[in-house]
N, C-alpha and C. Protein backbone atom coordinates (compact mmCIF):
# COMPACT_ATOMS: atom_id res chain seq x y z
N MET A 1 -58.67 163.85 -8.74
CA MET A 1 -58.79 162.41 -8.68
C MET A 1 -60.24 162.03 -8.94
N LEU A 2 -60.36 160.99 -9.70
CA LEU A 2 -61.68 160.46 -10.01
C LEU A 2 -61.88 159.20 -9.17
N PHE A 3 -62.69 159.31 -8.11
CA PHE A 3 -62.86 158.21 -7.18
C PHE A 3 -63.68 157.07 -7.76
N SER A 4 -64.72 157.39 -8.49
CA SER A 4 -65.65 156.36 -8.96
C SER A 4 -65.03 155.52 -10.06
N ASP A 5 -65.36 154.23 -10.07
CA ASP A 5 -64.96 153.38 -11.19
C ASP A 5 -66.12 153.15 -12.15
N ASN A 6 -67.24 153.83 -11.89
CA ASN A 6 -68.43 153.68 -12.72
C ASN A 6 -68.53 154.86 -13.69
N VAL A 7 -67.49 155.02 -14.52
CA VAL A 7 -67.40 156.14 -15.45
C VAL A 7 -67.21 155.55 -16.85
N THR A 8 -67.95 156.06 -17.80
CA THR A 8 -67.78 155.57 -19.17
C THR A 8 -66.42 156.00 -19.71
N VAL A 9 -65.92 155.27 -20.67
CA VAL A 9 -64.64 155.62 -21.30
C VAL A 9 -64.74 157.00 -21.94
N GLU A 10 -65.89 157.30 -22.52
CA GLU A 10 -66.08 158.60 -23.17
C GLU A 10 -65.99 159.74 -22.14
N ASP A 11 -66.65 159.57 -20.99
CA ASP A 11 -66.59 160.60 -19.95
C ASP A 11 -65.18 160.73 -19.38
N GLU A 12 -64.51 159.61 -19.18
CA GLU A 12 -63.14 159.65 -18.67
C GLU A 12 -62.24 160.43 -19.63
N LEU A 13 -62.35 160.13 -20.92
CA LEU A 13 -61.54 160.82 -21.92
C LEU A 13 -61.82 162.31 -21.92
N CYS A 14 -63.09 162.69 -21.85
CA CYS A 14 -63.48 164.10 -21.82
C CYS A 14 -62.88 164.81 -20.59
N LEU A 15 -62.99 164.18 -19.43
CA LEU A 15 -62.45 164.77 -18.21
C LEU A 15 -60.93 164.91 -18.26
N LYS A 16 -60.25 163.90 -18.78
CA LYS A 16 -58.79 163.94 -18.85
C LYS A 16 -58.31 164.98 -19.86
N LYS A 17 -59.02 165.14 -20.96
CA LYS A 17 -58.67 166.19 -21.93
C LYS A 17 -58.85 167.57 -21.31
N LEU A 18 -59.93 167.76 -20.55
CA LEU A 18 -60.16 169.03 -19.88
C LEU A 18 -59.05 169.32 -18.88
N ALA A 19 -58.62 168.30 -18.14
CA ALA A 19 -57.53 168.48 -17.18
C ALA A 19 -56.26 168.91 -17.89
N VAL A 20 -55.93 168.29 -19.02
CA VAL A 20 -54.73 168.65 -19.78
C VAL A 20 -54.82 170.10 -20.25
N GLU A 21 -55.98 170.51 -20.74
CA GLU A 21 -56.17 171.89 -21.20
C GLU A 21 -55.91 172.89 -20.08
N LYS A 22 -56.21 172.50 -18.84
CA LYS A 22 -56.03 173.38 -17.69
C LYS A 22 -54.67 173.19 -17.02
N GLY A 23 -53.81 172.35 -17.61
CA GLY A 23 -52.49 172.10 -17.04
C GLY A 23 -52.53 171.27 -15.77
N LEU A 24 -53.54 170.39 -15.66
CA LEU A 24 -53.72 169.58 -14.46
C LEU A 24 -53.50 168.10 -14.77
N LEU A 25 -53.25 167.33 -13.72
CA LEU A 25 -53.16 165.89 -13.81
C LEU A 25 -54.42 165.30 -13.22
N MET A 26 -55.07 164.43 -13.95
CA MET A 26 -56.24 163.75 -13.42
C MET A 26 -55.94 162.27 -13.34
N MET A 27 -56.09 161.72 -12.14
CA MET A 27 -55.83 160.30 -11.95
C MET A 27 -57.15 159.59 -11.72
N GLY A 28 -57.26 158.40 -12.21
CA GLY A 28 -58.47 157.61 -12.04
C GLY A 28 -58.92 157.07 -13.37
N PRO A 29 -60.02 156.40 -13.42
CA PRO A 29 -61.01 156.25 -12.36
C PRO A 29 -60.57 155.25 -11.30
N ASP A 30 -61.33 155.22 -10.22
CA ASP A 30 -61.09 154.36 -9.07
C ASP A 30 -59.75 154.68 -8.43
N CYS A 31 -59.51 155.97 -8.25
CA CYS A 31 -58.25 156.42 -7.67
C CYS A 31 -58.56 157.21 -6.40
N GLY A 32 -57.91 156.90 -5.32
CA GLY A 32 -58.16 157.62 -4.09
C GLY A 32 -56.94 157.77 -3.22
N THR A 33 -55.80 157.26 -3.66
CA THR A 33 -54.57 157.33 -2.88
C THR A 33 -53.44 157.82 -3.76
N ALA A 34 -52.72 158.82 -3.29
CA ALA A 34 -51.56 159.29 -4.05
C ALA A 34 -50.62 160.05 -3.12
N ILE A 35 -49.34 159.90 -3.37
CA ILE A 35 -48.32 160.72 -2.73
C ILE A 35 -47.43 161.20 -3.86
N ILE A 36 -47.40 162.50 -4.09
CA ILE A 36 -46.61 163.06 -5.17
C ILE A 36 -45.58 164.00 -4.57
N ASN A 37 -44.30 163.72 -4.80
CA ASN A 37 -43.19 164.50 -4.23
C ASN A 37 -43.33 164.65 -2.72
N GLY A 38 -43.73 163.56 -2.06
CA GLY A 38 -43.84 163.55 -0.61
C GLY A 38 -45.10 164.18 -0.05
N VAL A 39 -45.98 164.66 -0.92
CA VAL A 39 -47.22 165.31 -0.46
C VAL A 39 -48.38 164.34 -0.63
N PRO A 40 -49.06 163.96 0.47
CA PRO A 40 -50.19 163.05 0.35
C PRO A 40 -51.42 163.77 -0.21
N LEU A 41 -52.11 163.10 -1.12
CA LEU A 41 -53.35 163.62 -1.69
C LEU A 41 -54.46 162.64 -1.33
N CYS A 42 -55.56 163.15 -0.84
CA CYS A 42 -56.69 162.31 -0.42
C CYS A 42 -56.24 161.36 0.67
N PHE A 43 -56.45 160.07 0.48
CA PHE A 43 -56.02 159.08 1.47
C PHE A 43 -54.58 158.72 1.20
N ALA A 44 -53.75 158.62 2.24
CA ALA A 44 -52.36 158.24 2.03
C ALA A 44 -51.79 157.64 3.31
N ASN A 45 -50.86 156.75 3.14
CA ASN A 45 -50.15 156.16 4.26
C ASN A 45 -48.90 156.98 4.57
N ALA A 46 -48.41 156.87 5.79
CA ALA A 46 -47.15 157.52 6.16
C ALA A 46 -46.01 156.67 5.60
N VAL A 47 -45.21 157.24 4.73
CA VAL A 47 -44.09 156.53 4.13
C VAL A 47 -42.86 157.42 4.13
N ARG A 48 -41.70 156.78 4.10
CA ARG A 48 -40.45 157.53 4.02
C ARG A 48 -40.17 157.88 2.55
N CYS A 49 -39.57 159.02 2.31
CA CYS A 49 -39.15 159.40 0.97
C CYS A 49 -37.92 158.58 0.61
N GLY A 50 -37.80 158.22 -0.64
CA GLY A 50 -36.66 157.44 -1.09
C GLY A 50 -36.49 157.55 -2.59
N ARG A 51 -35.63 156.70 -3.13
CA ARG A 51 -35.31 156.74 -4.55
C ARG A 51 -36.24 155.90 -5.40
N ILE A 52 -37.08 155.11 -4.79
CA ILE A 52 -37.96 154.19 -5.54
C ILE A 52 -39.40 154.67 -5.47
N GLY A 53 -40.06 154.74 -6.59
CA GLY A 53 -41.46 155.10 -6.64
C GLY A 53 -42.28 153.92 -7.11
N LEU A 54 -43.49 153.79 -6.58
CA LEU A 54 -44.36 152.70 -6.95
C LEU A 54 -45.67 153.23 -7.50
N VAL A 55 -46.17 152.58 -8.51
CA VAL A 55 -47.48 152.88 -9.06
C VAL A 55 -48.24 151.57 -9.11
N GLY A 56 -49.44 151.57 -8.57
CA GLY A 56 -50.18 150.32 -8.54
C GLY A 56 -51.66 150.53 -8.78
N ALA A 57 -52.33 149.45 -9.04
CA ALA A 57 -53.78 149.49 -9.22
C ALA A 57 -54.44 149.74 -7.88
N SER A 58 -55.74 149.98 -7.89
CA SER A 58 -56.45 150.24 -6.65
C SER A 58 -56.31 149.06 -5.70
N GLY A 59 -56.45 149.36 -4.43
CA GLY A 59 -56.30 148.33 -3.42
C GLY A 59 -55.00 148.46 -2.66
N THR A 60 -54.64 149.70 -2.34
CA THR A 60 -53.38 149.92 -1.64
C THR A 60 -53.39 149.26 -0.30
């Protein structure tokens, strides 16, 4: 996860390409909350698993 929102587009692209090469997912910039398949990453709220998934901009 890329926490900072002060990243140039060029740096973001470079980092995301590197993540793809390594078989990784990179989220961000300005990303600090995620729950993937019920597993909280970084900061996360307690939520019930269900059939609906939400993706939103920063400011959870």
